[in-house]
Amino acid sequence: MATILLLETSAASLSAALSVNGTVTVKRVCTEPRQQASLAAPMVKEVLAEAGIPVSGCDAVCVSKGPGSYTGLRVGVSTAKGLCFGAGIPLLSVGTLDILVQPVIQDGPKDLKYIVPMIDARRMEVYTAVFTPQGKQLSAVEAKIVGADAFSQELSEGPVLFVGDGAMKCKEVITSPNARFQETAPLAENMAALAQQAFEQKRFEDLAYFEPFYLKDFVTTVSKKKLW
């Protein structure tokens, strides 16, 4: 029996959960944007307190590895690493796009040819990949600028469900009758099955060297405000 602490910080929202053998027993969600740095640790503490166990009572910690918010990913991975180091338990990670696909799979079969999770990456760019309705990833994760012809091959083959916080901004651009859109956020509770599978397969991360999957380099900008 595996008890796994789940932490998702890659998007605007923040969430944590606890799963036992792949079933979520406790969960917390904060939808207020950009609260990862201040609330990730307190939220984890709340989840563990409700479950009545210390961190050392968990068999592993699983964190969403990206792609997503640069700052959010760093906070999540740093928090997860600290918990694992302190408690002497292993670290697991799962892809953020895989997390977005999970609720669609769990809801049961739909008349879909593909699922395309999308994470907002500013303007008309998204982090994305193509999945089957069963959750098998068919294409590499990429940063894609969405135009009128985006995913035209997939859409020509049948219904495609676009999910995630990047999906709705593409609705006016992707006008195929086979296109369906669902705005969702990656949540810790949807990591449970993925984390359980990773644990059973012993796909543990190296605590010293593991880094988030940023996909793109962080770009700094110069403030236009006068400082003096």
C-alpha atoms as a PDB file:
ATOM      1  CA  MET A   1       0.000   0.000   0.000  1.00  0.00           C
ATOM      2  CA  ALA A   2       1.498   3.328  -1.091  1.00  0.00           C
ATOM      3  CA  THR A   3       0.687   6.646   0.555  1.00  0.00           C
ATOM      4  CA  ILE A   4       1.817   9.470  -1.721  1.00  0.00           C
ATOM      5  CA  LEU A   5       1.766  13.228  -1.143  1.00  0.00           C
ATOM      6  CA  LEU A   6       0.825  15.042  -4.369  1.00  0.00           C
ATOM      7  CA  LEU A   7       1.805  18.646  -5.181  1.00  0.00           C
ATOM      8  CA  GLU A   8       0.800  20.688  -8.251  1.00  0.00           C
ATOM      9  CA  THR A   9       2.231  24.204  -8.684  1.00  0.00           C
ATOM     10  CA  SER A  10       2.772  24.529 -12.442  1.00  0.00           C
ATOM     11  CA  ALA A  11      -0.249  26.706 -13.286  1.00  0.00           C
ATOM     12  CA  ALA A  12      -1.975  29.773 -11.851  1.00  0.00           C
ATOM     13  CA  SER A  13      -3.720  27.685  -9.196  1.00  0.00           C
ATOM     14  CA  LEU A  14      -2.105  25.641  -6.445  1.00  0.00           C
ATOM     15  CA  SER A  15      -3.184  22.254  -5.133  1.00  0.00           C
ATOM     16  CA  ALA A  16      -2.051  19.424  -2.891  1.00  0.00           C
ATOM     17  CA  ALA A  17      -3.533  16.029  -2.103  1.00  0.00           C
ATOM     18  CA  LEU A  18      -2.825  12.699  -0.468  1.00  0.00           C
ATOM     19  CA  SER A  19      -3.467   9.388  -2.207  1.00  0.00           C
ATOM     20  CA  VAL A  20      -3.518   5.869  -0.812  1.00  0.00           C
ATOM     21  CA  ASN A  21      -3.109   3.152  -3.442  1.00  0.00           C
ATOM     22  CA  GLY A  22      -4.129   5.629  -6.135  1.00  0.00           C
ATOM     23  CA  THR A  23      -7.249   6.883  -4.338  1.00  0.00           C
ATOM     24  CA  VAL A  24      -7.346  10.490  -3.116  1.00  0.00           C
ATOM     25  CA  THR A  25      -8.188  10.762   0.585  1.00  0.00           C
ATOM     26  CA  VAL A  26      -7.454  14.450   1.260  1.00  0.00           C
ATOM     27  CA  LYS A  27      -7.183  17.421  -1.100  1.00  0.00           C
ATOM     28  CA  ARG A  28      -6.754  21.190  -1.041  1.00  0.00           C
ATOM     29  CA  VAL A  29      -7.008  23.765  -3.864  1.00  0.00           C
ATOM     30  CA  CYS A  30      -6.223  27.484  -3.999  1.00  0.00           C
ATOM     31  CA  THR A  31      -7.490  29.218  -7.151  1.00  0.00           C
ATOM     32  CA  GLU A  32      -6.036  32.629  -6.298  1.00  0.00           C
ATOM     33  CA  PRO A  33      -3.201  33.207  -8.802  1.00  0.00           C
ATOM     34  CA  ARG A  34       0.504  33.189  -7.949  1.00  0.00           C
ATOM     35  CA  GLN A  35       0.232  31.934  -4.371  1.00  0.00           C
ATOM     36  CA  GLN A  36       2.659  29.035  -4.785  1.00  0.00           C
ATOM     37  CA  ALA A  37       5.581  30.597  -2.931  1.00  0.00           C
ATOM     38  CA  SER A  38       3.541  31.641   0.105  1.00  0.00           C
ATOM     39  CA  LEU A  39       0.993  28.821   0.353  1.00  0.00           C
ATOM     40  CA  ALA A  40       2.616  25.606  -0.933  1.00  0.00           C
ATOM     41  CA  ALA A  41       4.184  24.618   2.403  1.00  0.00           C
ATOM     42  CA  PRO A  42       1.138  25.588   4.551  1.00  0.00           C
ATOM     43  CA  MET A  43      -1.160  23.687   2.175  1.00  0.00           C
ATOM     44  CA  VAL A  44       0.981  20.552   2.460  1.00  0.00           C
ATOM     45  CA  LYS A  45       0.867  20.922   6.255  1.00  0.00           C
ATOM     46  CA  GLU A  46      -2.953  21.128   6.150  1.00  0.00           C
ATOM     47  CA  VAL A  47      -3.249  18.006   4.007  1.00  0.00           C
ATOM     48  CA  LEU A  48      -0.973  15.990   6.293  1.00  0.00           C
ATOM     49  CA  ALA A  49      -2.711  17.297   9.423  1.00  0.00           C
ATOM     50  CA  GLU A  50      -6.120  16.209   8.115  1.00  0.00           C
ATOM     51  CA  ALA A  51      -4.718  12.795   7.236  1.00  0.00           C
ATOM     52  CA  GLY A  52      -3.150  12.556  10.683  1.00  0.00           C
ATOM     53  CA  ILE A  53       0.310  11.578   9.464  1.00  0.00           C
ATOM     54  CA  PRO A  54       3.747  13.247   9.277  1.00  0.00           C
ATOM     55  CA  VAL A  55       5.651  13.558   6.006  1.00  0.00           C
ATOM     56  CA  SER A  56       7.684  10.528   7.057  1.00  0.00           C
ATOM     57  CA  GLY A  57       4.422   8.570   7.100  1.00  0.00           C
ATOM     58  CA  CYS A  58       4.253   8.920   3.316  1.00  0.00           C
ATOM     59  CA  ASP A  59       5.978   6.504   0.979  1.00  0.00           C
ATOM     60  CA  ALA A  60       6.846   9.222  -1.562  1.00  0.00           C
ATOM     61  CA  VAL A  61       6.187  12.782  -2.700  1.00  0.00           C
ATOM     62  CA  CYS A  62       5.049  13.377  -6.281  1.00  0.00           C
ATOM     63  CA  VAL A  63       5.339  16.781  -7.964  1.00  0.00           C
ATOM     64  CA  SER A  64       4.177  18.030 -11.351  1.00  0.00           C
ATOM     65  CA  LYS A  65       7.322  18.545 -13.390  1.00  0.00           C
ATOM     66  CA  GLY A  66       6.036  20.850 -16.139  1.00  0.00           C
ATOM     67  CA  PRO A  67       5.924  22.458 -18.536  1.00  0.00           C
ATOM     68  CA  GLY A  68       4.253  25.467 -16.986  1.00  0.00           C
ATOM     69  CA  SER A  69       5.013  28.552 -14.933  1.00  0.00           C
ATOM     70  CA  TYR A  70       8.766  28.925 -14.384  1.00  0.00           C
ATOM     71  CA  THR A  71       8.361  30.265 -10.848  1.00  0.00           C
ATOM     72  CA  GLY A  72       5.583  27.847  -9.973  1.00  0.00           C
ATOM     73  CA  LEU A  73       7.613  24.850 -11.095  1.00  0.00           C
ATOM     74  CA  ARG A  74      10.662  25.953  -9.117  1.00  0.00           C
ATOM     75  CA  VAL A  75       8.577  26.401  -5.974  1.00  0.00           C
ATOM     76  CA  GLY A  76       6.918  23.017  -6.370  1.00  0.00           C
ATOM     77  CA  VAL A  77      10.099  21.077  -7.046  1.00  0.00           C
ATOM     78  CA  SER A  78      12.016  22.851  -4.279  1.00  0.00           C
ATOM     79  CA  THR A  79       9.224  22.152  -1.793  1.00  0.00           C
ATOM     80  CA  ALA A  80       8.959  18.504  -2.826  1.00  0.00           C
ATOM     81  CA  LYS A  81      12.723  18.015  -2.635  1.00  0.00           C
ATOM     82  CA  GLY A  82      12.859  19.550   0.834  1.00  0.00           C
ATOM     83  CA  LEU A  83      10.103  17.246   2.075  1.00  0.00           C
ATOM     84  CA  CYS A  84      11.833  14.195   0.613  1.00  0.00           C
ATOM     85  CA  PHE A  85      15.250  15.126   2.019  1.00  0.00           C
ATOM     86  CA  GLY A  86      13.832  15.791   5.470  1.00  0.00           C
ATOM     87  CA  ALA A  87      11.714  12.643   5.646  1.00  0.00           C
ATOM     88  CA  GLY A  88      14.079  10.329   3.798  1.00  0.00           C
ATOM     89  CA  ILE A  89      11.489   9.304   1.211  1.00  0.00           C
ATOM     90  CA  PRO A  90      11.718   9.144  -2.604  1.00  0.00           C
ATOM     91  CA  LEU A  91      10.625  11.784  -5.115  1.00  0.00           C
ATOM     92  CA  LEU A  92       8.311  11.090  -8.055  1.00  0.00           C
ATOM     93  CA  SER A  93       7.315  13.415 -10.884  1.00  0.00           C
ATOM     94  CA  VAL A  94       4.612  13.443 -13.564  1.00  0.00           C
ATOM     95  CA  GLY A  95       4.143  15.671 -16.617  1.00  0.00           C
ATOM     96  CA  THR A  96       1.672  18.526 -16.381  1.00  0.00           C
ATOM     97  CA  LEU A  97       0.098  17.674 -19.739  1.00  0.00           C
ATOM     98  CA  ASP A  98      -0.468  14.107 -18.517  1.00  0.00           C
ATOM     99  CA  ILE A  99      -2.272  15.528 -15.475  1.00  0.00           C
ATOM    100  CA  LEU A 100      -4.615  17.555 -17.710  1.00  0.00           C
ATOM    101  CA  VAL A 101      -5.524  14.450 -19.705  1.00  0.00           C
ATOM    102  CA  GLN A 102      -6.370  12.310 -16.650  1.00  0.00           C
ATOM    103  CA  PRO A 103      -9.909  13.630 -15.902  1.00  0.00           C
ATOM    104  CA  VAL A 104     -10.966  13.023 -19.513  1.00  0.00           C
ATOM    105  CA  ILE A 105      -9.767   9.428 -19.322  1.00  0.00           C
ATOM    106  CA  GLN A 106     -11.407   8.867 -15.926  1.00  0.00           C
ATOM    107  CA  ASP A 107     -14.758  10.237 -17.121  1.00  0.00           C
ATOM    108  CA  GLY A 108     -14.998   7.326 -19.521  1.00  0.00           C
ATOM    109  CA  PRO A 109     -15.085   6.860 -23.302  1.00  0.00           C
ATOM    110  CA  LYS A 110     -16.185   9.790 -25.425  1.00  0.00           C
ATOM    111  CA  ASP A 111     -16.507  10.021 -29.186  1.00  0.00           C
ATOM    112  CA  LEU A 112     -12.988  11.419 -29.428  1.00  0.00           C
ATOM    113  CA  LYS A 113     -10.125  10.766 -31.795  1.00  0.00           C
ATOM    114  CA  TYR A 114      -7.543  12.766 -29.836  1.00  0.00           C
ATOM    115  CA  ILE A 115      -7.065  14.762 -26.629  1.00  0.00           C
ATOM    116  CA  VAL A 116      -4.840  17.837 -26.879  1.00  0.00           C
ATOM    117  CA  PRO A 117      -3.921  19.408 -23.531  1.00  0.00           C
ATOM    118  CA  MET A 118      -2.824  23.055 -23.720  1.00  0.00           C
ATOM    119  CA  ILE A 119      -0.968  25.160 -21.169  1.00  0.00           C
ATOM    120  CA  ASP A 120      -1.069  28.909 -21.756  1.00  0.00           C
ATOM    121  CA  ALA A 121       2.357  30.246 -22.737  1.00  0.00           C
ATOM    122  CA  ARG A 122       1.400  33.896 -23.508  1.00  0.00           C
ATOM    123  CA  ARG A 123      -0.121  35.396 -26.646  1.00  0.00           C
ATOM    124  CA  MET A 124      -1.165  32.582 -29.025  1.00  0.00           C
ATOM    125  CA  GLU A 125       1.502  30.154 -27.863  1.00  0.00           C
ATOM    126  CA  VAL A 126       0.762  27.031 -25.844  1.00  0.00           C
ATOM    127  CA  TYR A 127       2.692  24.083 -24.420  1.00  0.00           C
ATOM    128  CA  THR A 128       1.031  21.042 -25.907  1.00  0.00           C
ATOM    129  CA  ALA A 129       1.154  17.469 -27.209  1.00  0.00           C
ATOM    130  CA  VAL A 130      -1.296  15.027 -28.779  1.00  0.00           C
ATOM    131  CA  PHE A 131      -2.748  12.121 -26.777  1.00  0.00           C
ATOM    132  CA  THR A 132      -5.100   9.253 -27.531  1.00  0.00           C
ATOM    133  CA  PRO A 133      -8.377   9.031 -25.544  1.00  0.00           C
ATOM    134  CA  GLN A 134      -6.667   6.287 -23.521  1.00  0.00           C
ATOM    135  CA  GLY A 135      -3.862   8.635 -22.464  1.00  0.00           C
ATOM    136  CA  LYS A 136      -1.053   7.467 -24.743  1.00  0.00           C
ATOM    137  CA  GLN A 137       1.166  10.378 -25.814  1.00  0.00           C
ATOM    138  CA  LEU A 138       1.576  10.469 -29.597  1.00  0.00           C
ATOM    139  CA  SER A 139       3.757  13.556 -30.093  1.00  0.00           C
ATOM    140  CA  ALA A 140       6.571  15.308 -28.293  1.00  0.00           C
ATOM    141  CA  VAL A 141       5.761  18.156 -25.926  1.00  0.00           C
ATOM    142  CA  GLU A 142       6.309  21.440 -27.753  1.00  0.00           C
ATOM    143  CA  ALA A 143       5.775  25.181 -27.532  1.00  0.00           C
ATOM    144  CA  LYS A 144       3.356  25.792 -30.393  1.00  0.00           C
ATOM    145  CA  ILE A 145       1.996  29.025 -31.854  1.00  0.00           C
ATOM    146  CA  VAL A 146      -1.641  28.317 -32.655  1.00  0.00           C
ATOM    147  CA  GLY A 147      -2.980  29.485 -36.013  1.00  0.00           C
ATOM    148  CA  ALA A 148      -6.016  28.625 -38.140  1.00  0.00           C
ATOM    149  CA  ASP A 149      -4.343  25.494 -39.516  1.00  0.00           C
ATOM    150  CA  ALA A 150      -3.151  24.172 -36.156  1.00  0.00           C
ATOM    151  CA  PHE A 151      -3.877  20.460 -35.616  1.00  0.00           C
ATOM    152  CA  SER A 152      -5.547  20.293 -39.038  1.00  0.00           C
ATOM    153  CA  GLN A 153      -4.425  16.691 -39.574  1.00  0.00           C
ATOM    154  CA  GLU A 154      -5.850  15.524 -36.248  1.00  0.00           C
ATOM    155  CA  LEU A 155      -9.095  17.447 -36.770  1.00  0.00           C
ATOM    156  CA  SER A 156      -9.549  15.914 -40.219  1.00  0.00           C
ATOM    157  CA  GLU A 157      -9.576  12.460 -38.615  1.00  0.00           C
ATOM    158  CA  GLY A 158     -12.341  13.071 -36.057  1.00  0.00           C
ATOM    159  CA  PRO A 159     -13.348  14.933 -32.871  1.00  0.00           C
ATOM    160  CA  VAL A 160     -10.485  16.499 -30.907  1.00  0.00           C
ATOM    161  CA  LEU A 161     -10.873  17.738 -27.325  1.00  0.00           C
ATOM    162  CA  PHE A 162      -8.621  20.671 -26.404  1.00  0.00           C
ATOM    163  CA  VAL A 163      -8.240  20.949 -22.619  1.00  0.00           C
ATOM    164  CA  GLY A 164      -6.375  23.244 -20.240  1.00  0.00           C
ATOM    165  CA  ASP A 165      -5.998  26.944 -19.528  1.00  0.00           C
ATOM    166  CA  GLY A 166      -4.616  27.483 -23.030  1.00  0.00           C
ATOM    167  CA  ALA A 167      -7.565  25.861 -24.795  1.00  0.00           C
ATOM    168  CA  MET A 168     -10.188  28.586 -24.631  1.00  0.00           C
ATOM    169  CA  LYS A 169      -8.006  31.291 -26.185  1.00  0.00           C
ATOM    170  CA  CYS A 170      -7.687  29.039 -29.242  1.00  0.00           C
ATOM    171  CA  LYS A 171     -11.438  28.640 -29.705  1.00  0.00           C
ATOM    172  CA  GLU A 172     -11.780  31.597 -32.082  1.00  0.00           C
ATOM    173  CA  VAL A 173      -8.795  30.449 -34.136  1.00  0.00           C
ATOM    174  CA  ILE A 174      -9.477  26.712 -34.403  1.00  0.00           C
ATOM    175  CA  THR A 175     -12.927  26.671 -36.015  1.00  0.00           C
ATOM    176  CA  SER A 176     -13.206  23.086 -37.243  1.00  0.00           C
ATOM    177  CA  PRO A 177     -16.550  21.421 -36.397  1.00  0.00           C
ATOM    178  CA  ASN A 178     -14.501  18.578 -34.922  1.00  0.00           C
ATOM    179  CA  ALA A 179     -12.892  20.873 -32.336  1.00  0.00           C
ATOM    180  CA  ARG A 180     -14.169  20.773 -28.756  1.00  0.00           C
ATOM    181  CA  PHE A 181     -12.862  22.919 -25.911  1.00  0.00           C
ATOM    182  CA  GLN A 182     -12.733  22.488 -22.158  1.00  0.00           C
ATOM    183  CA  GLU A 183     -11.032  24.933 -19.786  1.00  0.00           C
ATOM    184  CA  THR A 184      -9.438  23.014 -16.930  1.00  0.00           C
ATOM    185  CA  ALA A 185      -6.493  23.364 -14.554  1.00  0.00           C
ATOM    186  CA  PRO A 186      -3.951  20.704 -13.612  1.00  0.00           C
ATOM    187  CA  LEU A 187      -4.899  19.530 -10.112  1.00  0.00           C
ATOM    188  CA  ALA A 188      -3.032  17.419  -7.570  1.00  0.00           C
ATOM    189  CA  GLU A 189      -6.004  15.083  -7.192  1.00  0.00           C
ATOM    190  CA  ASN A 190      -5.614  14.096 -10.855  1.00  0.00           C
ATOM    191  CA  MET A 191      -2.017  13.005 -10.230  1.00  0.00           C
ATOM    192  CA  ALA A 192      -2.999  10.039  -8.063  1.00  0.00           C
ATOM    193  CA  ALA A 193      -3.134   7.273 -10.694  1.00  0.00           C
ATOM    194  CA  LEU A 194      -0.004   8.544 -12.443  1.00  0.00           C
ATOM    195  CA  ALA A 195       1.915   8.781  -9.168  1.00  0.00           C
ATOM    196  CA  GLN A 196       0.834   5.299  -8.100  1.00  0.00           C
ATOM    197  CA  GLN A 197       2.012   3.868 -11.410  1.00  0.00           C
ATOM    198  CA  ALA A 198       5.366   5.661 -11.149  1.00  0.00           C
ATOM    199  CA  PHE A 199       5.790   4.354  -7.585  1.00  0.00           C
ATOM    200  CA  GLU A 200       5.035   0.758  -8.551  1.00  0.00           C
ATOM    201  CA  GLN A 201       7.521   1.009 -11.421  1.00  0.00           C
ATOM    202  CA  LYS A 202      10.100   2.584  -9.077  1.00  0.00           C
ATOM    203  CA  ARG A 203      10.552   5.598 -11.349  1.00  0.00           C
ATOM    204  CA  PHE A 204      12.151   7.688  -8.606  1.00  0.00           C
ATOM    205  CA  GLU A 205      13.919  10.979  -9.354  1.00  0.00           C
ATOM    206  CA  ASP A 206      17.447  11.871  -8.271  1.00  0.00           C
ATOM    207  CA  LEU A 207      16.963  14.318  -5.388  1.00  0.00           C
ATOM    208  CA  ALA A 208      20.248  16.087  -6.065  1.00  0.00           C
ATOM    209  CA  TYR A 209      19.907  16.587  -9.810  1.00  0.00           C
ATOM    210  CA  PHE A 210      16.215  16.573 -10.684  1.00  0.00           C
ATOM    211  CA  GLU A 211      15.025  19.790 -12.365  1.00  0.00           C
ATOM    212  CA  PRO A 212      11.587  20.836 -13.660  1.00  0.00           C
ATOM    213  CA  PHE A 213      10.786  20.467 -17.348  1.00  0.00           C
ATOM    214  CA  TYR A 214      10.697  24.138 -18.315  1.00  0.00           C
ATOM    215  CA  LEU A 215      10.614  23.455 -22.091  1.00  0.00           C
ATOM    216  CA  LYS A 216      11.659  27.066 -22.729  1.00  0.00           C
ATOM    217  CA  ASP A 217      14.370  29.139 -21.087  1.00  0.00           C
ATOM    218  CA  PHE A 218      13.237  31.751 -18.588  1.00  0.00           C
ATOM    219  CA  VAL A 219      13.350  35.216 -20.180  1.00  0.00           C
ATOM    220  CA  THR A 220      13.949  38.249 -17.986  1.00  0.00           C
ATOM    221  CA  THR A 221      12.772  41.718 -18.920  1.00  0.00           C
ATOM    222  CA  VAL A 222      13.991  45.166 -17.989  1.00  0.00           C
ATOM    223  CA  SER A 223      11.525  47.299 -16.079  1.00  0.00           C
ATOM    224  CA  LYS A 224      10.532  50.561 -17.756  1.00  0.00           C
ATOM    225  CA  LYS A 225       9.894  52.191 -14.395  1.00  0.00           C
ATOM    226  CA  LYS A 226      12.404  54.772 -13.248  1.00  0.00           C
ATOM    227  CA  LEU A 227      14.162  53.574 -10.111  1.00  0.00           C
ATOM    228  CA  TRP A 228      15.696  56.963  -9.320  1.00  0.00           C
END
